[in-house]
Amino acid sequence: MRLLALPVTLIVIAVLVYLLVTLTRAGKPAARREAAGSPRWEAGTVMENGWTMIVVRKVAPGPNGPLELTRQTVRSIRDDDPDWDERYREGMLEARNRVSTLEIESG
């Protein structure tokens, strides 16, 4: 019986070490970690100084939240423009189309 105790103990220790290493690697498979860390394109709106700017930006996850890598302004609309709603909808449509194109090109 003592002859079996040593191999069983070594197997248990190996399993515990494996579990410890797996837990310290954030518990995510490598493919998921890479996908979460890869940059993506998104459409957005920035409002400042009486202007609404529709932008497309490339963002990547950072340690303190999303990190903007680059930005393209699709359209700028004055806040007091009487056709603001229509121009905003058109600008967002254009921005979403640009996001689709940029995602295809960078993929």
Protein backbone atom coordinates (compact mmCIF):
# COMPACT_ATOMS: atom_id res chain seq x y z
CA MET A 1 0.00 0.00 0.00
CA ARG A 2 2.88 2.36 0.75
CA LEU A 3 4.18 1.67 -2.74
CA LEU A 4 1.04 3.30 -4.24
CA ALA A 5 0.99 6.26 -1.85
CA LEU A 6 4.00 7.99 -3.45
CA PRO A 7 2.69 7.96 -7.07
CA VAL A 8 -0.79 9.05 -5.96
CA THR A 9 0.72 11.93 -3.96
CA LEU A 10 2.80 13.02 -6.96
CA ILE A 11 -0.26 12.92 -9.24
CA VAL A 12 -2.30 15.02 -6.80
CA ILE A 13 0.52 17.58 -6.54
CA ALA A 14 0.81 17.75 -10.35
CA VAL A 15 -2.94 18.35 -10.70
CA LEU A 16 -2.84 21.10 -8.07
CA VAL A 17 0.08 22.83 -9.82
CA TYR A 18 -1.76 22.61 -13.16
CA LEU A 19 -4.91 24.16 -11.64
CA LEU A 20 -2.88 26.92 -10.02
CA VAL A 21 -1.16 27.80 -13.31
CA THR A 22 -4.51 27.75 -15.15
CA LEU A 23 -6.14 30.09 -12.62
CA THR A 24 -3.26 32.58 -12.69
CA ARG A 25 -3.50 32.87 -16.49
CA ALA A 26 -6.85 34.71 -16.01
CA GLY A 27 -8.85 31.58 -16.76
CA LYS A 28 -9.43 32.59 -20.41
CA PRO A 29 -8.37 30.61 -23.44
CA ALA A 30 -5.64 32.31 -25.50
CA ALA A 31 -7.96 32.95 -28.48
CA ARG A 32 -10.46 34.77 -26.27
CA ARG A 33 -7.73 36.90 -24.66
CA GLU A 34 -6.48 37.93 -28.10
CA ALA A 35 -10.00 38.73 -29.36
CA ALA A 36 -10.71 40.86 -26.29
CA GLY A 37 -7.47 42.77 -26.79
CA SER A 38 -7.77 43.41 -30.52
CA PRO A 39 -8.69 46.91 -31.73
CA ARG A 40 -12.07 47.56 -33.33
CA TRP A 41 -13.72 50.36 -35.29
CA GLU A 42 -16.82 52.11 -33.92
CA ALA A 43 -19.05 55.04 -34.84
CA GLY A 44 -19.64 57.75 -32.27
CA THR A 45 -20.65 61.32 -31.58
CA VAL A 46 -18.60 64.12 -30.03
CA MET A 47 -20.28 67.37 -28.96
CA GLU A 48 -18.16 70.44 -28.26
CA ASN A 49 -18.23 74.21 -28.78
CA GLY A 50 -21.65 74.28 -30.45
CA TRP A 51 -20.83 71.52 -32.92
CA THR A 52 -21.84 67.87 -33.16
CA MET A 53 -19.18 65.76 -34.83
CA ILE A 54 -19.90 62.29 -36.07
CA VAL A 55 -16.70 60.29 -35.86
CA VAL A 56 -15.33 56.86 -36.62
CA ARG A 57 -12.60 55.75 -34.27
CA LYS A 58 -10.41 52.76 -33.74
CA VAL A 59 -10.32 51.71 -30.09
CA ALA A 60 -8.51 49.01 -28.18
CA PRO A 61 -9.05 47.85 -24.61
CA GLY A 62 -6.62 49.52 -22.24
CA PRO A 63 -5.83 49.07 -18.56
CA ASN A 64 -8.07 52.04 -17.63
CA GLY A 65 -10.81 51.57 -20.23
CA PRO A 66 -10.93 51.89 -24.01
CA LEU A 67 -7.96 53.56 -25.64
CA GLU A 68 -8.56 55.60 -28.81
CA LEU A 69 -5.94 54.79 -31.43
CA THR A 70 -7.20 56.96 -34.29
CA ARG A 71 -10.22 59.08 -35.19
CA GLN A 72 -11.83 60.20 -38.45
CA THR A 73 -14.48 62.91 -38.55
CA VAL A 74 -17.29 61.92 -40.89
CA ARG A 75 -19.46 65.01 -40.53
CA SER A 76 -19.68 68.18 -38.41
CA ILE A 77 -23.10 69.71 -37.75
CA ARG A 78 -23.73 73.04 -36.08
CA ASP A 79 -25.99 72.55 -33.03
CA ASP A 80 -28.39 75.29 -34.17
CA ASP A 81 -28.72 73.88 -37.73
CA PRO A 82 -32.47 73.63 -38.60
CA ASP A 83 -31.83 70.31 -40.41
CA TRP A 84 -29.79 68.87 -37.58
CA ASP A 85 -31.88 65.66 -37.21
CA GLU A 86 -31.72 64.76 -40.89
CA ARG A 87 -28.01 65.54 -41.18
CA TYR A 88 -27.29 63.55 -38.03
CA ARG A 89 -29.10 60.47 -39.35
CA GLU A 90 -27.28 60.74 -42.70
CA GLY A 91 -23.95 61.19 -40.95
CA MET A 92 -24.48 58.18 -38.69
CA LEU A 93 -25.44 56.06 -41.70
CA GLU A 94 -22.25 57.14 -43.45
CA ALA A 95 -20.21 56.45 -40.29
CA ARG A 96 -21.66 52.93 -39.91
CA ASN A 97 -20.89 52.21 -43.56
CA ARG A 98 -17.33 53.42 -43.05
CA VAL A 99 -16.96 51.22 -39.96
CA SER A 100 -18.04 48.19 -42.00
CA THR A 101 -15.56 49.03 -44.75
CA LEU A 102 -12.69 49.61 -42.31
CA GLU A 103 -13.41 46.35 -40.44
CA ILE A 104 -13.35 44.43 -43.72
CA GLU A 105 -10.08 46.08 -44.80
CA SER A 106 -8.34 45.52 -41.48
CA GLY A 107 -9.57 41.92 -41.12
